[in-house]
All heavy atoms as atom14 arrays in JSON, in Angstrom:
{
  "sequence": "NQHLASRIQAEILMPVGLMDTICPPSTQFAAYNKITSKKNLVIYPDFG",
  "atom14_mask": [
    [1, 1, 1, 1, 1, 1, 1, 1, 0, 0, 0, 0, 0, 0],
    [1, 1, 1, 1, 1, 1, 1, 1, 1, 0, 0, 0, 0, 0],
    [1, 1, 1, 1, 1, 1, 1, 1, 1, 1, 0, 0, 0, 0],
    [1, 1, 1, 1, 1, 1, 1, 1, 0, 0, 0, 0, 0, 0],
    [1, 1, 1, 1, 1, 0, 0, 0, 0, 0, 0, 0, 0, 0],
    [1, 1, 1, 1, 1, 1, 0, 0, 0, 0, 0, 0, 0, 0],
    [1, 1, 1, 1, 1, 1, 1, 1, 1, 1, 1, 0, 0, 0],
    [1, 1, 1, 1, 1, 1, 1, 1, 0, 0, 0, 0, 0, 0],
    [1, 1, 1, 1, 1, 1, 1, 1, 1, 0, 0, 0, 0, 0],
    [1, 1, 1, 1, 1, 0, 0, 0, 0, 0, 0, 0, 0, 0],
    [1, 1, 1, 1, 1, 1, 1, 1, 1, 0, 0, 0, 0, 0],
    [1, 1, 1, 1, 1, 1, 1, 1, 0, 0, 0, 0, 0, 0],
    [1, 1, 1, 1, 1, 1, 1, 1, 0, 0, 0, 0, 0, 0],
    [1, 1, 1, 1, 1, 1, 1, 1, 0, 0, 0, 0, 0, 0],
    [1, 1, 1, 1, 1, 1, 1, 0, 0, 0, 0, 0, 0, 0],
    [1, 1, 1, 1, 1, 1, 1, 0, 0, 0, 0, 0, 0, 0],
    [1, 1, 1, 1, 0, 0, 0, 0, 0, 0, 0, 0, 0, 0],
    [1, 1, 1, 1, 1, 1, 1, 1, 0, 0, 0, 0, 0, 0],
    [1, 1, 1, 1, 1, 1, 1, 1, 0, 0, 0, 0, 0, 0],
    [1, 1, 1, 1, 1, 1, 1, 1, 0, 0, 0, 0, 0, 0],
    [1, 1, 1, 1, 1, 1, 1, 0, 0, 0, 0, 0, 0, 0],
    [1, 1, 1, 1, 1, 1, 1, 1, 0, 0, 0, 0, 0, 0],
    [1, 1, 1, 1, 1, 1, 0, 0, 0, 0, 0, 0, 0, 0],
    [1, 1, 1, 1, 1, 1, 1, 0, 0, 0, 0, 0, 0, 0],
    [1, 1, 1, 1, 1, 1, 1, 0, 0, 0, 0, 0, 0, 0],
    [1, 1, 1, 1, 1, 1, 0, 0, 0, 0, 0, 0, 0, 0],
    [1, 1, 1, 1, 1, 1, 1, 0, 0, 0, 0, 0, 0, 0],
    [1, 1, 1, 1, 1, 1, 1, 1, 1, 0, 0, 0, 0, 0],
    [1, 1, 1, 1, 1, 1, 1, 1, 1, 1, 1, 0, 0, 0],
    [1, 1, 1, 1, 1, 0, 0, 0, 0, 0, 0, 0, 0, 0],
    [1, 1, 1, 1, 1, 0, 0, 0, 0, 0, 0, 0, 0, 0],
    [1, 1, 1, 1, 1, 1, 1, 1, 1, 1, 1, 1, 0, 0],
    [1, 1, 1, 1, 1, 1, 1, 1, 0, 0, 0, 0, 0, 0],
    [1, 1, 1, 1, 1, 1, 1, 1, 1, 0, 0, 0, 0, 0],
    [1, 1, 1, 1, 1, 1, 1, 1, 0, 0, 0, 0, 0, 0],
    [1, 1, 1, 1, 1, 1, 1, 0, 0, 0, 0, 0, 0, 0],
    [1, 1, 1, 1, 1, 1, 0, 0, 0, 0, 0, 0, 0, 0],
    [1, 1, 1, 1, 1, 1, 1, 1, 1, 0, 0, 0, 0, 0],
    [1, 1, 1, 1, 1, 1, 1, 1, 1, 0, 0, 0, 0, 0],
    [1, 1, 1, 1, 1, 1, 1, 1, 0, 0, 0, 0, 0, 0],
    [1, 1, 1, 1, 1, 1, 1, 1, 0, 0, 0, 0, 0, 0],
    [1, 1, 1, 1, 1, 1, 1, 0, 0, 0, 0, 0, 0, 0],
    [1, 1, 1, 1, 1, 1, 1, 1, 0, 0, 0, 0, 0, 0],
    [1, 1, 1, 1, 1, 1, 1, 1, 1, 1, 1, 1, 0, 0],
    [1, 1, 1, 1, 1, 1, 1, 0, 0, 0, 0, 0, 0, 0],
    [1, 1, 1, 1, 1, 1, 1, 1, 0, 0, 0, 0, 0, 0],
    [1, 1, 1, 1, 1, 1, 1, 1, 1, 1, 1, 0, 0, 0],
    [1, 1, 1, 1, 0, 0, 0, 0, 0, 0, 0, 0, 0, 0]
  ],
  "atom14_positions": [
    [[0.8, -1.23, 0.0], [0.0, 0.0, 0.0], [0.83, 1.27, 0.0], [0.33, 2.33, -0.38], [-0.96, -0.01, 1.19], [-2.24, -0.74, 0.88], [-3.03, -0.31, 0.04], [-2.46, -1.85, 1.55], [0.0, 0.0, 0.0], [0.0, 0.0, 0.0], [0.0, 0.0, 0.0], [0.0, 0.0, 0.0], [0.0, 0.0, 0.0], [0.0, 0.0, 0.0]],
    [[2.08, 1.2, 0.43], [2.9, 2.43, 0.37], [3.06, 2.91, -1.07], [3.16, 4.1, -1.32], [4.25, 2.19, 1.0], [5.14, 1.21, 0.27], [6.58, 1.29, 0.7], [7.14, 2.37, 0.86], [7.19, 0.13, 0.9], [0.0, 0.0, 0.0], [0.0, 0.0, 0.0], [0.0, 0.0, 0.0], [0.0, 0.0, 0.0], [0.0, 0.0, 0.0]],
    [[3.05, 1.98, -2.04], [3.21, 2.37, -3.43], [1.9, 2.83, -4.06], [1.91, 3.61, -5.01], [3.81, 1.22, -4.23], [5.15, 0.76, -3.73], [6.13, 1.64, -3.32], [5.67, -0.49, -3.55], [7.19, 0.96, -2.91], [6.93, -0.33, -3.04], [0.0, 0.0, 0.0], [0.0, 0.0, 0.0], [0.0, 0.0, 0.0], [0.0, 0.0, 0.0]],
    [[0.8, 2.36, -3.53], [-0.51, 2.83, -4.0], [-0.87, 4.19, -3.43], [-1.67, 4.92, -4.01], [-1.6, 1.82, -3.62], [-1.78, 0.61, -4.54], [-2.68, -0.42, -3.87], [-2.36, 1.03, -5.89], [0.0, 0.0, 0.0], [0.0, 0.0, 0.0], [0.0, 0.0, 0.0], [0.0, 0.0, 0.0], [0.0, 0.0, 0.0], [0.0, 0.0, 0.0]],
    [[-0.29, 4.53, -2.29], [-0.76, 5.68, -1.51], [-0.7, 7.0, -2.26], [-1.51, 7.91, -2.01], [0.03, 5.78, -0.21], [0.0, 0.0, 0.0], [0.0, 0.0, 0.0], [0.0, 0.0, 0.0], [0.0, 0.0, 0.0], [0.0, 0.0, 0.0], [0.0, 0.0, 0.0], [0.0, 0.0, 0.0], [0.0, 0.0, 0.0], [0.0, 0.0, 0.0]],
    [[0.23, 7.15, -3.18], [0.35, 8.42, -3.9], [-0.85, 8.68, -4.81], [-1.05, 9.82, -5.27], [1.64, 8.44, -4.73], [1.62, 7.42, -5.71], [0.0, 0.0, 0.0], [0.0, 0.0, 0.0], [0.0, 0.0, 0.0], [0.0, 0.0, 0.0], [0.0, 0.0, 0.0], [0.0, 0.0, 0.0], [0.0, 0.0, 0.0], [0.0, 0.0, 0.0]],
    [[-1.66, 7.67, -5.07], [-2.85, 7.83, -5.9], [-4.04, 8.41, -5.11], [-5.03, 8.82, -5.7], [-3.29, 6.48, -6.47], [-2.33, 5.9, -7.5], [-2.79, 4.52, -7.96], [-1.96, 4.02, -9.07], [-2.45, 3.7, -10.27], [-3.75, 3.78, -10.51], [-1.64, 3.25, -11.22], [0.0, 0.0, 0.0], [0.0, 0.0, 0.0], [0.0, 0.0, 0.0]],
    [[-3.94, 8.42, -3.81], [-5.08, 8.81, -2.97], [-5.4, 10.29, -3.16], [-4.52, 11.15, -3.13], [-4.78, 8.52, -1.49], [-4.7, 7.0, -1.26], [-5.82, 9.15, -0.57], [-4.26, 6.61, 0.14], [0.0, 0.0, 0.0], [0.0, 0.0, 0.0], [0.0, 0.0, 0.0], [0.0, 0.0, 0.0], [0.0, 0.0, 0.0], [0.0, 0.0, 0.0]],
    [[-6.7, 10.58, -3.33], [-7.19, 11.95, -3.39], [-8.1, 12.29, -2.21], [-8.39, 13.46, -1.96], [-7.92, 12.18, -4.71], [-7.04, 12.01, -5.94], [-7.75, 12.3, -7.24], [-8.62, 13.17, -7.31], [-7.4, 11.57, -8.29], [0.0, 0.0, 0.0], [0.0, 0.0, 0.0], [0.0, 0.0, 0.0], [0.0, 0.0, 0.0], [0.0, 0.0, 0.0]],
    [[-8.55, 11.27, -1.5], [-9.43, 11.49, -0.35], [-8.68, 12.15, 0.81], [-7.45, 12.04, 0.91], [-10.01, 10.15, 0.12], [0.0, 0.0, 0.0], [0.0, 0.0, 0.0], [0.0, 0.0, 0.0], [0.0, 0.0, 0.0], [0.0, 0.0, 0.0], [0.0, 0.0, 0.0], [0.0, 0.0, 0.0], [0.0, 0.0, 0.0], [0.0, 0.0, 0.0]],
    [[-9.42, 12.79, 1.69], [-8.84, 13.27, 2.94], [-8.61, 12.08, 3.86], [-9.48, 11.22, 4.01], [-9.76, 14.29, 3.6], [-9.2, 14.86, 4.89], [-10.13, 15.86, 5.56], [-11.18, 16.18, 4.98], [-9.8, 16.31, 6.69], [0.0, 0.0, 0.0], [0.0, 0.0, 0.0], [0.0, 0.0, 0.0], [0.0, 0.0, 0.0], [0.0, 0.0, 0.0]],
    [[-7.44, 12.03, 4.5], [-7.04, 10.87, 5.29], [-6.89, 11.23, 6.76], [-6.29, 12.25, 7.11], [-5.7, 10.31, 4.77], [-5.83, 9.82, 3.32], [-5.19, 9.18, 5.68], [-6.74, 8.65, 3.12], [0.0, 0.0, 0.0], [0.0, 0.0, 0.0], [0.0, 0.0, 0.0], [0.0, 0.0, 0.0], [0.0, 0.0, 0.0], [0.0, 0.0, 0.0]],
    [[-7.41, 10.35, 7.62], [-7.14, 10.39, 9.06], [-6.59, 9.01, 9.44], [-7.27, 8.0, 9.24], [-8.42, 10.68, 9.84], [-8.25, 10.74, 11.36], [-7.57, 12.05, 11.77], [-9.59, 10.6, 12.07], [0.0, 0.0, 0.0], [0.0, 0.0, 0.0], [0.0, 0.0, 0.0], [0.0, 0.0, 0.0], [0.0, 0.0, 0.0], [0.0, 0.0, 0.0]],
    [[-5.37, 8.97, 9.97], [-4.74, 7.69, 10.27], [-4.34, 7.6, 11.74], [-3.37, 8.24, 12.17], [-3.5, 7.46, 9.4], [-2.87, 6.08, 9.6], [-1.31, 5.84, 8.69], [-1.89, 5.84, 7.01], [0.0, 0.0, 0.0], [0.0, 0.0, 0.0], [0.0, 0.0, 0.0], [0.0, 0.0, 0.0], [0.0, 0.0, 0.0], [0.0, 0.0, 0.0]],
    [[-5.04, 6.82, 12.55], [-4.6, 6.54, 13.91], [-3.45, 5.53, 13.92], [-3.51, 4.51, 13.23], [-5.85, 5.96, 14.58], [-7.0, 6.4, 13.71], [-6.43, 6.39, 12.32], [0.0, 0.0, 0.0], [0.0, 0.0, 0.0], [0.0, 0.0, 0.0], [0.0, 0.0, 0.0], [0.0, 0.0, 0.0], [0.0, 0.0, 0.0], [0.0, 0.0, 0.0]],
    [[-2.42, 5.8, 14.72], [-1.22, 4.97, 14.79], [-0.81, 4.8, 16.24], [-0.75, 5.77, 17.0], [-0.06, 5.63, 14.0], [1.21, 4.81, 14.14], [-0.42, 5.82, 12.54], [0.0, 0.0, 0.0], [0.0, 0.0, 0.0], [0.0, 0.0, 0.0], [0.0, 0.0, 0.0], [0.0, 0.0, 0.0], [0.0, 0.0, 0.0], [0.0, 0.0, 0.0]],
    [[-0.49, 3.55, 16.63], [0.1, 3.29, 17.93], [1.6, 3.1, 17.79], [2.05, 2.24, 17.04], [0.0, 0.0, 0.0], [0.0, 0.0, 0.0], [0.0, 0.0, 0.0], [0.0, 0.0, 0.0], [0.0, 0.0, 0.0], [0.0, 0.0, 0.0], [0.0, 0.0, 0.0], [0.0, 0.0, 0.0], [0.0, 0.0, 0.0], [0.0, 0.0, 0.0]],
    [[2.39, 3.9, 18.47], [3.84, 3.88, 18.27], [4.51, 2.66, 18.89], [5.71, 2.42, 18.66], [4.47, 5.16, 18.83], [4.08, 6.46, 18.13], [4.88, 7.64, 18.7], [4.26, 6.37, 16.62], [0.0, 0.0, 0.0], [0.0, 0.0, 0.0], [0.0, 0.0, 0.0], [0.0, 0.0, 0.0], [0.0, 0.0, 0.0], [0.0, 0.0, 0.0]],
    [[3.78, 1.86, 19.69], [4.32, 0.62, 20.25], [3.82, -0.61, 19.51], [3.85, -1.72, 20.03], [3.96, 0.54, 21.74], [4.54, 1.67, 22.59], [6.35, 1.73, 22.57], [6.75, 0.28, 23.54], [0.0, 0.0, 0.0], [0.0, 0.0, 0.0], [0.0, 0.0, 0.0], [0.0, 0.0, 0.0], [0.0, 0.0, 0.0], [0.0, 0.0, 0.0]],
    [[3.39, -0.43, 18.29], [2.81, -1.51, 17.49], [3.9, -2.45, 17.0], [4.78, -2.05, 16.23], [2.05, -0.91, 16.3], [1.12, -1.89, 15.61], [1.36, -3.11, 15.7], [0.15, -1.42, 14.99], [0.0, 0.0, 0.0], [0.0, 0.0, 0.0], [0.0, 0.0, 0.0], [0.0, 0.0, 0.0], [0.0, 0.0, 0.0], [0.0, 0.0, 0.0]],
    [[3.87, -3.71, 17.43], [4.82, -4.71, 16.96], [4.19, -5.67, 15.96], [4.85, -6.6, 15.5], [5.4, -5.53, 18.14], [4.32, -6.15, 18.85], [6.19, -4.63, 19.08], [0.0, 0.0, 0.0], [0.0, 0.0, 0.0], [0.0, 0.0, 0.0], [0.0, 0.0, 0.0], [0.0, 0.0, 0.0], [0.0, 0.0, 0.0], [0.0, 0.0, 0.0]],
    [[2.93, -5.5, 15.63], [2.26, -6.3, 14.61], [2.39, -5.63, 13.25], [2.8, -6.23, 12.27], [0.78, -6.51, 14.96], [0.63, -7.15, 16.35], [0.09, -7.37, 13.9], [1.27, -8.51, 16.49], [0.0, 0.0, 0.0], [0.0, 0.0, 0.0], [0.0, 0.0, 0.0], [0.0, 0.0, 0.0], [0.0, 0.0, 0.0], [0.0, 0.0, 0.0]],
    [[2.02, -4.36, 13.19], [2.22, -3.53, 12.0], [3.1, -2.36, 12.44], [2.59, -1.32, 12.87], [0.88, -3.02, 11.46], [-0.24, -4.34, 10.92], [0.0, 0.0, 0.0], [0.0, 0.0, 0.0], [0.0, 0.0, 0.0], [0.0, 0.0, 0.0], [0.0, 0.0, 0.0], [0.0, 0.0, 0.0], [0.0, 0.0, 0.0], [0.0, 0.0, 0.0]],
    [[4.41, -2.52, 12.39], [5.31, -1.52, 12.97], [5.04, -0.12, 12.44], [4.68, 0.05, 11.27], [6.7, -2.01, 12.54], [6.52, -3.47, 12.29], [5.14, -3.64, 11.77], [0.0, 0.0, 0.0], [0.0, 0.0, 0.0], [0.0, 0.0, 0.0], [0.0, 0.0, 0.0], [0.0, 0.0, 0.0], [0.0, 0.0, 0.0], [0.0, 0.0, 0.0]],
    [[5.19, 0.9, 13.29], [4.89, 2.27, 12.87], [5.58, 2.69, 11.58], [4.99, 3.37, 10.74], [5.38, 3.1, 14.06], [5.23, 2.19, 15.23], [5.55, 0.81, 14.73], [0.0, 0.0, 0.0], [0.0, 0.0, 0.0], [0.0, 0.0, 0.0], [0.0, 0.0, 0.0], [0.0, 0.0, 0.0], [0.0, 0.0, 0.0], [0.0, 0.0, 0.0]],
    [[6.83, 2.28, 11.39], [7.54, 2.7, 10.18], [6.83, 2.2, 8.93], [6.81, 2.9, 7.91], [8.98, 2.23, 10.2], [9.06, 0.82, 10.36], [0.0, 0.0, 0.0], [0.0, 0.0, 0.0], [0.0, 0.0, 0.0], [0.0, 0.0, 0.0], [0.0, 0.0, 0.0], [0.0, 0.0, 0.0], [0.0, 0.0, 0.0], [0.0, 0.0, 0.0]],
    [[6.24, 1.01, 8.98], [5.54, 0.49, 7.8], [4.32, 1.34, 7.49], [3.99, 1.57, 6.31], [5.13, -0.98, 8.0], [4.11, -1.09, 9.01], [6.33, -1.82, 8.4], [0.0, 0.0, 0.0], [0.0, 0.0, 0.0], [0.0, 0.0, 0.0], [0.0, 0.0, 0.0], [0.0, 0.0, 0.0], [0.0, 0.0, 0.0], [0.0, 0.0, 0.0]],
    [[3.66, 1.81, 8.53], [2.49, 2.66, 8.34], [2.9, 4.04, 7.81], [2.25, 4.6, 6.92], [1.73, 2.79, 9.66], [1.25, 1.45, 10.21], [0.62, 1.58, 11.58], [-0.27, 2.41, 11.77], [1.07, 0.78, 12.54], [0.0, 0.0, 0.0], [0.0, 0.0, 0.0], [0.0, 0.0, 0.0], [0.0, 0.0, 0.0], [0.0, 0.0, 0.0]],
    [[3.99, 4.56, 8.36], [4.48, 5.86, 7.9], [4.97, 5.78, 6.46], [4.93, 6.78, 5.73], [5.58, 6.38, 8.82], [5.08, 7.15, 10.01], [4.6, 6.48, 11.14], [5.05, 8.53, 10.02], [4.14, 7.18, 12.25], [4.6, 9.25, 11.12], [4.14, 8.57, 12.24], [0.0, 0.0, 0.0], [0.0, 0.0, 0.0], [0.0, 0.0, 0.0]],
    [[5.48, 4.61, 6.03], [5.92, 4.47, 4.64], [4.77, 4.8, 3.69], [4.99, 5.41, 2.64], [6.42, 3.05, 4.39], [0.0, 0.0, 0.0], [0.0, 0.0, 0.0], [0.0, 0.0, 0.0], [0.0, 0.0, 0.0], [0.0, 0.0, 0.0], [0.0, 0.0, 0.0], [0.0, 0.0, 0.0], [0.0, 0.0, 0.0], [0.0, 0.0, 0.0]],
    [[3.55, 4.4, 4.06], [2.38, 4.74, 3.25], [1.94, 6.18, 3.5], [1.71, 6.95, 2.56], [1.23, 3.79, 3.56], [0.0, 0.0, 0.0], [0.0, 0.0, 0.0], [0.0, 0.0, 0.0], [0.0, 0.0, 0.0], [0.0, 0.0, 0.0], [0.0, 0.0, 0.0], [0.0, 0.0, 0.0], [0.0, 0.0, 0.0], [0.0, 0.0, 0.0]],
    [[1.84, 6.57, 4.76], [1.36, 7.91, 5.1], [2.21, 8.99, 4.45], [1.7, 9.99, 3.93], [1.35, 8.08, 6.62], [0.83, 9.42, 7.08], [-0.54, 9.65, 7.17], [1.7, 10.45, 7.42], [-1.03, 10.89, 7.59], [1.23, 11.68, 7.83], [-0.14, 11.9, 7.92], [-0.62, 13.13, 8.32], [0.0, 0.0, 0.0], [0.0, 0.0, 0.0]],
    [[3.53, 8.81, 4.46], [4.43, 9.83, 3.93], [4.29, 10.04, 2.43], [4.72, 11.07, 1.89], [5.88, 9.48, 4.27], [6.16, 9.59, 5.76], [5.42, 10.25, 6.5], [7.22, 8.94, 6.21], [0.0, 0.0, 0.0], [0.0, 0.0, 0.0], [0.0, 0.0, 0.0], [0.0, 0.0, 0.0], [0.0, 0.0, 0.0], [0.0, 0.0, 0.0]],
    [[3.68, 9.08, 1.74], [3.52, 9.19, 0.29], [2.15, 9.75, -0.1], [1.89, 9.97, -1.29], [3.75, 7.83, -0.37], [5.19, 7.33, -0.23], [5.35, 5.95, -0.84], [6.8, 5.47, -0.74], [7.24, 5.22, 0.66], [0.0, 0.0, 0.0], [0.0, 0.0, 0.0], [0.0, 0.0, 0.0], [0.0, 0.0, 0.0], [0.0, 0.0, 0.0]],
    [[1.29, 9.97, 0.85], [-0.03, 10.54, 0.57], [0.13, 12.05, 0.36], [0.72, 12.74, 1.19], [-1.01, 10.26, 1.72], [-1.24, 8.74, 1.86], [-2.34, 10.97, 1.51], [-1.98, 8.35, 3.12], [0.0, 0.0, 0.0], [0.0, 0.0, 0.0], [0.0, 0.0, 0.0], [0.0, 0.0, 0.0], [0.0, 0.0, 0.0], [0.0, 0.0, 0.0]],
    [[-0.4, 12.54, -0.73], [-0.26, 13.97, -1.05], [-1.55, 14.75, -0.83], [-1.54, 15.98, -0.91], [0.19, 14.15, -2.51], [-0.77, 13.55, -3.38], [1.55, 13.51, -2.74], [0.0, 0.0, 0.0], [0.0, 0.0, 0.0], [0.0, 0.0, 0.0], [0.0, 0.0, 0.0], [0.0, 0.0, 0.0], [0.0, 0.0, 0.0], [0.0, 0.0, 0.0]],
    [[-2.66, 14.05, -0.56], [-3.91, 14.73, -0.28], [-3.91, 15.23, 1.17], [-2.96, 14.98, 1.94], [-5.09, 13.79, -0.51], [-4.99, 12.65, 0.34], [0.0, 0.0, 0.0], [0.0, 0.0, 0.0], [0.0, 0.0, 0.0], [0.0, 0.0, 0.0], [0.0, 0.0, 0.0], [0.0, 0.0, 0.0], [0.0, 0.0, 0.0], [0.0, 0.0, 0.0]],
    [[-4.95, 15.93, 1.56], [-5.07, 16.41, 2.94], [-5.04, 15.22, 3.89], [-5.73, 14.22, 3.66], [-6.37, 17.19, 3.12], [-6.53, 17.83, 4.49], [-7.82, 18.64, 4.57], [-7.99, 19.28, 5.94], [-9.27, 20.05, 6.03], [0.0, 0.0, 0.0], [0.0, 0.0, 0.0], [0.0, 0.0, 0.0], [0.0, 0.0, 0.0], [0.0, 0.0, 0.0]],
    [[-4.24, 15.32, 4.96], [-4.07, 14.16, 5.83], [-3.72, 14.59, 7.24], [-3.21, 15.71, 7.47], [-2.97, 13.25, 5.27], [-1.6, 13.9, 5.19], [-0.57, 12.96, 4.55], [0.81, 13.63, 4.46], [1.82, 12.72, 3.86], [0.0, 0.0, 0.0], [0.0, 0.0, 0.0], [0.0, 0.0, 0.0], [0.0, 0.0, 0.0], [0.0, 0.0, 0.0]],
    [[-3.97, 13.68, 8.18], [-3.65, 13.95, 9.58], [-3.46, 12.62, 10.3], [-4.1, 11.62, 9.96], [-4.76, 14.76, 10.24], [-4.32, 15.33, 11.58], [-3.14, 15.54, 11.83], [-5.28, 15.54, 12.46], [0.0, 0.0, 0.0], [0.0, 0.0, 0.0], [0.0, 0.0, 0.0], [0.0, 0.0, 0.0], [0.0, 0.0, 0.0], [0.0, 0.0, 0.0]],
    [[-2.57, 12.61, 11.27], [-2.34, 11.45, 12.11], [-2.98, 11.64, 13.48], [-3.09, 12.76, 13.98], [-0.84, 11.22, 12.32], [-0.04, 10.67, 11.15], [1.45, 10.83, 11.44], [-0.37, 9.22, 10.9], [0.0, 0.0, 0.0], [0.0, 0.0, 0.0], [0.0, 0.0, 0.0], [0.0, 0.0, 0.0], [0.0, 0.0, 0.0], [0.0, 0.0, 0.0]],
    [[-3.41, 10.53, 14.08], [-3.81, 10.5, 15.49], [-2.85, 9.55, 16.17], [-2.91, 8.34, 15.97], [-5.26, 10.03, 15.66], [-5.65, 10.04, 17.13], [-6.22, 10.88, 14.84], [0.0, 0.0, 0.0], [0.0, 0.0, 0.0], [0.0, 0.0, 0.0], [0.0, 0.0, 0.0], [0.0, 0.0, 0.0], [0.0, 0.0, 0.0], [0.0, 0.0, 0.0]],
    [[-1.92, 10.07, 16.95], [-0.82, 9.28, 17.49], [-1.1, 8.87, 18.93], [-1.44, 9.7, 19.78], [0.5, 10.06, 17.38], [0.86, 10.25, 15.9], [1.62, 9.33, 18.1], [2.11, 11.07, 15.67], [0.0, 0.0, 0.0], [0.0, 0.0, 0.0], [0.0, 0.0, 0.0], [0.0, 0.0, 0.0], [0.0, 0.0, 0.0], [0.0, 0.0, 0.0]],
    [[-0.92, 7.58, 19.19], [-1.02, 7.01, 20.54], [0.37, 6.5, 20.93], [0.76, 5.39, 20.56], [-2.03, 5.87, 20.54], [-3.48, 6.3, 20.43], [-4.03, 6.65, 19.22], [-4.29, 6.35, 21.56], [-5.36, 7.04, 19.11], [-5.62, 6.74, 21.48], [-6.14, 7.09, 20.25], [-7.47, 7.48, 20.15], [0.0, 0.0, 0.0], [0.0, 0.0, 0.0]],
    [[1.15, 7.27, 21.68], [2.55, 6.91, 21.95], [2.73, 5.6, 22.7], [3.72, 4.89, 22.47], [3.07, 8.1, 22.78], [2.18, 9.24, 22.41], [0.83, 8.62, 22.19], [0.0, 0.0, 0.0], [0.0, 0.0, 0.0], [0.0, 0.0, 0.0], [0.0, 0.0, 0.0], [0.0, 0.0, 0.0], [0.0, 0.0, 0.0], [0.0, 0.0, 0.0]],
    [[1.81, 5.24, 23.6], [2.0, 4.09, 24.48], [1.2, 2.86, 24.07], [1.15, 1.87, 24.8], [1.63, 4.46, 25.92], [2.42, 5.65, 26.43], [3.65, 5.62, 26.29], [1.8, 6.61, 26.93], [0.0, 0.0, 0.0], [0.0, 0.0, 0.0], [0.0, 0.0, 0.0], [0.0, 0.0, 0.0], [0.0, 0.0, 0.0], [0.0, 0.0, 0.0]],
    [[0.58, 2.9, 22.9], [-0.31, 1.82, 22.5], [0.24, 1.1, 21.27], [0.92, 1.67, 20.43], [-1.71, 2.36, 22.19], [-2.48, 2.71, 23.43], [-2.25, 3.91, 24.08], [-3.43, 1.84, 23.95], [-2.95, 4.24, 25.23], [-4.13, 2.16, 25.1], [-3.9, 3.35, 25.75], [0.0, 0.0, 0.0], [0.0, 0.0, 0.0], [0.0, 0.0, 0.0]],
    [[-0.09, -0.2, 21.21], [0.32, -1.02, 20.09], [-0.86, -1.35, 19.19], [-1.73, -0.51, 18.94], [0.0, 0.0, 0.0], [0.0, 0.0, 0.0], [0.0, 0.0, 0.0], [0.0, 0.0, 0.0], [0.0, 0.0, 0.0], [0.0, 0.0, 0.0], [0.0, 0.0, 0.0], [0.0, 0.0, 0.0], [0.0, 0.0, 0.0], [0.0, 0.0, 0.0]]
  ]
}
């Protein structure tokens, strides 16, 4: 999905847990960082 993400035109809201060991945060950011439409993160520092 990181390679598909640049096609997104929708507004994005992405909740992320920074202690996630199932879907590590960096993998999620790899997609988020490629989104060029309006976007925002909801960060949970202590949650996985």
